[in-house]
Amino acid sequence: MWDHRPVGLVWPHVLWFVALVAAAILARWTFIIHLDRAVSHALRGLGDSWPPANLIWVLGGLPLTSVGVLAWLIRRRPYGWRGLWAFAMGLVCEVALKIAVHTPFPKPTPEPSFYAHLEMATNVTPQLAFRWLSRLGGHAGRVGTGRAIFHGSFPSGHVYRLTYALGLWFQRWPVATWVVAALAGLLVVATGGHWAIDVIGGFALARLMLWLAMSPTADLPQ
């Protein structure tokens, strides 16, 4: 069936844009940094005591979420191209924000070697990408370039990608997307990969890109 979305539904997504910008600004405030550290400290016990929490870095990684978006594209052709375009645009915004927003990096929790190797095989991080480039170019000294270019962890790309991919598939059950996004946010903070403000930014970015993928000016099959 077809979903005719009224133009009036545009305004909630303007609020998501405002939330994203506000989170980017607040991420550098001293009060927010102290609050983030307090939340991280409170949740760190979960990451330390429950190793499977590290699987969030696999589930929300670029390879797996990209497969989910591409599968949605194939199912929704020709309308699915909007979803792929918005997904890619969100990735560009994520990279730009990590370059522009200077924040301290959280300290990851220790993890068993099994999970570390699994993440290396299924997850693409800026540091890993620069490591590959350094090996291809024969310049081992460039491995640390990722940290030099990406000045902060804001926003959470894993929360963004997972929320976006699930948002495409579960348009009829938005509560399910919110629940999974909240769980993903809990785990990325508990394992020391992100701050709470990063989670808010990643979720706001996902909601904004989902609106672009399913614009109220277009009819998309349900």
Protein backbone atom coordinates (compact mmCIF):
# COMPACT_ATOMS: atom_id res chain seq x y z
CA MET A 1 0.00 0.00 0.00
CA TRP A 2 1.02 3.62 -0.39
CA ASP A 3 1.75 6.02 2.40
CA HIS A 4 0.81 9.64 1.59
CA ARG A 5 2.79 11.68 4.09
CA PRO A 6 1.47 15.21 4.72
CA VAL A 7 3.85 18.12 4.44
CA GLY A 8 2.98 19.03 8.03
CA LEU A 9 5.16 16.16 9.20
CA VAL A 10 8.27 18.10 8.17
CA TRP A 11 8.54 20.11 11.37
CA PRO A 12 9.44 17.23 13.77
CA HIS A 13 12.49 16.54 11.65
CA VAL A 14 13.54 20.16 11.83
CA LEU A 15 13.72 19.49 15.55
CA TRP A 16 16.07 16.56 14.94
CA PHE A 17 18.35 18.89 12.99
CA VAL A 18 18.25 21.36 15.86
CA ALA A 19 18.96 18.50 18.30
CA LEU A 20 21.99 17.42 16.26
CA VAL A 21 23.43 20.93 16.13
CA ALA A 22 22.72 21.52 19.81
CA ALA A 23 24.38 18.22 20.78
CA ALA A 24 27.47 19.12 18.70
CA ILE A 25 27.75 22.44 20.52
CA LEU A 26 27.06 21.01 23.98
CA ALA A 27 29.58 18.19 23.49
CA ARG A 28 32.40 20.67 24.12
CA TRP A 29 30.91 22.22 27.24
CA THR A 30 32.78 21.43 30.44
CA PHE A 31 29.57 20.56 32.28
CA ILE A 32 28.56 18.05 29.59
CA ILE A 33 32.04 16.53 29.56
CA HIS A 34 31.86 15.97 33.32
CA LEU A 35 28.36 14.56 33.00
CA ASP A 36 29.47 12.22 30.19
CA ARG A 37 32.33 10.95 32.32
CA ALA A 38 29.98 10.29 35.23
CA VAL A 39 27.61 8.31 33.00
CA SER A 40 30.52 6.40 31.45
CA HIS A 41 31.87 5.54 34.89
CA ALA A 42 28.43 4.32 36.03
CA LEU A 43 28.02 2.03 33.00
CA ARG A 44 31.60 0.82 32.72
CA GLY A 45 30.94 -2.13 35.03
CA LEU A 46 28.59 -3.58 32.39
CA GLY A 47 31.28 -3.43 29.72
CA ASP A 48 33.89 -4.91 32.03
CA SER A 49 31.76 -7.80 33.28
CA TRP A 50 29.83 -8.73 30.12
CA PRO A 51 32.14 -9.26 27.09
CA PRO A 52 29.25 -9.85 24.60
CA ALA A 53 28.51 -6.12 24.97
CA ASN A 54 31.37 -5.62 22.52
CA LEU A 55 29.26 -7.20 19.77
CA ILE A 56 27.62 -3.80 19.33
CA TRP A 57 30.74 -2.79 17.39
CA VAL A 58 30.00 -5.60 14.96
CA LEU A 59 26.24 -5.10 14.69
CA GLY A 60 26.54 -1.35 14.17
CA GLY A 61 29.63 -1.53 11.99
CA LEU A 62 29.69 -0.26 8.42
CA PRO A 63 29.74 -3.68 6.66
CA LEU A 64 26.68 -5.20 8.33
CA THR A 65 24.55 -2.05 8.34
CA SER A 66 25.45 -1.39 4.69
CA VAL A 67 24.19 -4.85 3.80
CA GLY A 68 20.93 -4.03 5.56
CA VAL A 69 20.53 -0.76 3.64
CA LEU A 70 21.39 -2.42 0.31
CA ALA A 71 18.88 -5.19 0.98
CA TRP A 72 16.22 -2.56 1.63
CA LEU A 73 17.23 -0.83 -1.62
CA ILE A 74 16.76 -4.03 -3.62
CA ARG A 75 13.36 -4.64 -2.05
CA ARG A 76 12.14 -1.08 -2.58
CA ARG A 77 13.45 -0.37 -6.09
CA PRO A 78 13.29 2.22 -7.54
CA TYR A 79 12.43 4.09 -4.34
CA GLY A 80 15.25 2.47 -2.36
CA TRP A 81 17.86 4.67 -3.99
CA ARG A 82 16.71 7.52 -1.77
CA GLY A 83 17.54 5.37 1.25
CA LEU A 84 21.05 4.66 -0.02
CA TRP A 85 21.68 8.30 -0.86
CA ALA A 86 20.55 9.47 2.57
CA PHE A 87 22.65 6.77 4.27
CA ALA A 88 25.77 7.92 2.41
CA MET A 89 25.00 11.55 3.21
CA GLY A 90 24.76 10.64 6.89
CA LEU A 91 28.17 8.98 6.75
CA VAL A 92 29.65 12.17 5.28
CA CYS A 93 28.03 14.20 8.06
CA GLU A 94 29.41 11.80 10.66
CA VAL A 95 32.96 12.17 9.36
CA ALA A 96 32.64 15.96 9.09
CA LEU A 97 31.41 16.24 12.68
CA LYS A 98 34.19 14.02 14.02
CA ILE A 99 36.68 16.31 12.33
CA ALA A 100 35.02 19.53 13.47
CA VAL A 101 33.96 18.73 17.04
CA HIS A 102 36.97 18.56 19.35
CA THR A 103 36.15 16.41 22.38
CA PRO A 104 38.16 14.07 24.60
CA PHE A 105 38.10 10.40 23.66
CA PRO A 106 36.69 7.86 26.12
CA LYS A 107 38.83 4.93 27.26
CA PRO A 108 37.66 1.57 25.84
CA THR A 109 37.11 -1.29 28.26
CA PRO A 110 39.39 -4.35 27.98
CA GLU A 111 37.93 -7.13 25.88
CA PRO A 112 38.81 -10.78 25.13
CA SER A 113 40.92 -11.32 22.01
CA PHE A 114 38.03 -13.15 20.31
CA TYR A 115 35.89 -10.03 20.26
CA ALA A 116 38.82 -7.82 19.26
CA HIS A 117 39.57 -10.02 16.24
CA LEU A 118 35.87 -10.21 15.34
CA GLU A 119 35.64 -6.42 15.36
CA MET A 120 38.75 -6.12 13.20
CA ALA A 121 37.18 -8.49 10.66
CA THR A 122 33.73 -6.92 10.54
CA ASN A 123 34.16 -3.28 11.44
CA VAL A 124 35.82 -0.37 9.65
CA THR A 125 37.08 2.39 11.93
CA PRO A 126 39.04 5.52 10.92
CA GLN A 127 42.12 4.13 12.67
CA LEU A 128 41.82 0.83 10.80
CA ALA A 129 41.38 2.60 7.46
CA PHE A 130 44.51 4.69 8.05
CA ARG A 131 46.39 1.55 9.10
CA TRP A 132 45.49 -0.10 5.79
CA LEU A 133 46.55 3.00 3.86
CA SER A 134 49.82 3.18 5.76
CA ARG A 135 50.61 -0.42 4.88
CA LEU A 136 49.80 0.13 1.22
CA GLY A 137 51.97 3.24 1.11
CA GLY A 138 54.74 1.78 3.22
CA HIS A 139 54.52 4.58 5.80
CA ALA A 140 53.98 3.01 9.19
CA GLY A 141 54.19 6.39 10.84
CA ARG A 142 50.84 7.37 9.40
CA VAL A 143 48.94 4.91 11.58
CA GLY A 144 48.22 7.63 14.15
CA THR A 145 46.89 10.00 11.50
CA GLY A 146 43.33 8.89 12.23
CA ARG A 147 43.46 10.37 15.73
CA ALA A 148 45.13 13.53 14.38
CA ILE A 149 42.35 14.14 11.84
CA PHE A 150 39.35 12.90 13.83
CA HIS A 151 39.40 15.20 16.83
CA GLY A 152 36.50 13.67 18.72
CA SER A 153 34.12 10.76 19.04
CA PHE A 154 30.98 12.83 18.29
CA PRO A 155 28.62 11.53 16.96
CA SER A 156 28.33 7.77 17.42
CA GLY A 157 28.51 6.27 13.95
CA HIS A 158 27.43 2.88 15.25
CA VAL A 159 24.25 4.28 16.78
CA TYR A 160 23.63 6.27 13.59
CA ARG A 161 24.07 3.32 11.23
CA LEU A 162 22.14 0.81 13.31
CA THR A 163 19.26 3.21 13.96
CA TYR A 164 19.12 4.19 10.29
CA ALA A 165 19.14 0.63 8.95
CA LEU A 166 16.49 -0.53 11.42
CA GLY A 167 14.45 2.61 10.78
CA LEU A 168 14.21 1.69 7.10
CA TRP A 169 13.04 -1.84 7.79
CA PHE A 170 10.73 -1.16 10.72
CA GLN A 171 8.82 1.89 9.54
CA ARG A 172 5.60 0.34 10.84
CA TRP A 173 7.11 -0.38 14.27
CA PRO A 174 9.09 2.75 15.22
CA VAL A 175 9.10 1.77 18.89
CA ALA A 176 11.29 -1.23 18.03
CA THR A 177 13.86 1.08 16.43
CA TRP A 178 13.88 3.35 19.49
CA VAL A 179 14.36 0.40 21.84
CA VAL A 180 17.26 -1.05 19.85
CA ALA A 181 18.84 2.40 19.50
CA ALA A 182 18.64 2.90 23.27
CA LEU A 183 20.24 -0.50 23.85
CA ALA A 184 22.97 0.27 21.31
CA GLY A 185 23.63 3.60 23.01
CA LEU A 186 23.89 1.88 26.37
CA LEU A 187 26.43 -0.62 25.04
CA VAL A 188 28.68 1.82 23.17
CA VAL A 189 28.97 3.90 26.34
CA ALA A 190 29.44 0.86 28.60
CA THR A 191 32.29 -0.46 26.45
CA GLY A 192 34.04 2.91 26.43
CA GLY A 193 33.67 3.71 22.76
CA HIS A 194 31.47 6.79 23.06
CA TRP A 195 30.03 9.33 25.45
CA ALA A 196 26.31 9.73 26.10
CA ILE A 197 26.25 12.97 24.07
CA ASP A 198 27.70 11.02 21.12
CA VAL A 199 24.75 8.64 21.32
CA ILE A 200 22.27 11.52 21.23
CA GLY A 201 24.05 12.98 18.20
CA GLY A 202 24.10 9.65 16.38
CA PHE A 203 20.40 9.08 16.99
CA ALA A 204 19.46 12.60 15.90
CA LEU A 205 21.52 12.19 12.72
CA ALA A 206 19.77 8.89 11.96
CA ARG A 207 16.30 10.38 12.41
CA LEU A 208 17.22 13.31 10.17
CA MET A 209 18.56 11.05 7.42
CA LEU A 210 15.54 8.75 7.68
CA TRP A 211 13.33 11.73 6.96
CA LEU A 212 15.40 12.54 3.86
CA ALA A 213 15.07 8.91 2.76
CA MET A 214 11.30 8.99 3.26
CA SER A 215 10.51 12.60 2.47
CA PRO A 216 6.89 13.68 2.95
CA THR A 217 6.98 15.06 -0.59
CA ALA A 218 7.32 11.55 -2.04
CA ASP A 219 5.18 8.43 -1.98
CA LEU A 220 6.97 5.33 -0.81
CA PRO A 221 5.56 1.82 -0.83
CA GLN A 222 4.92 0.26 2.55
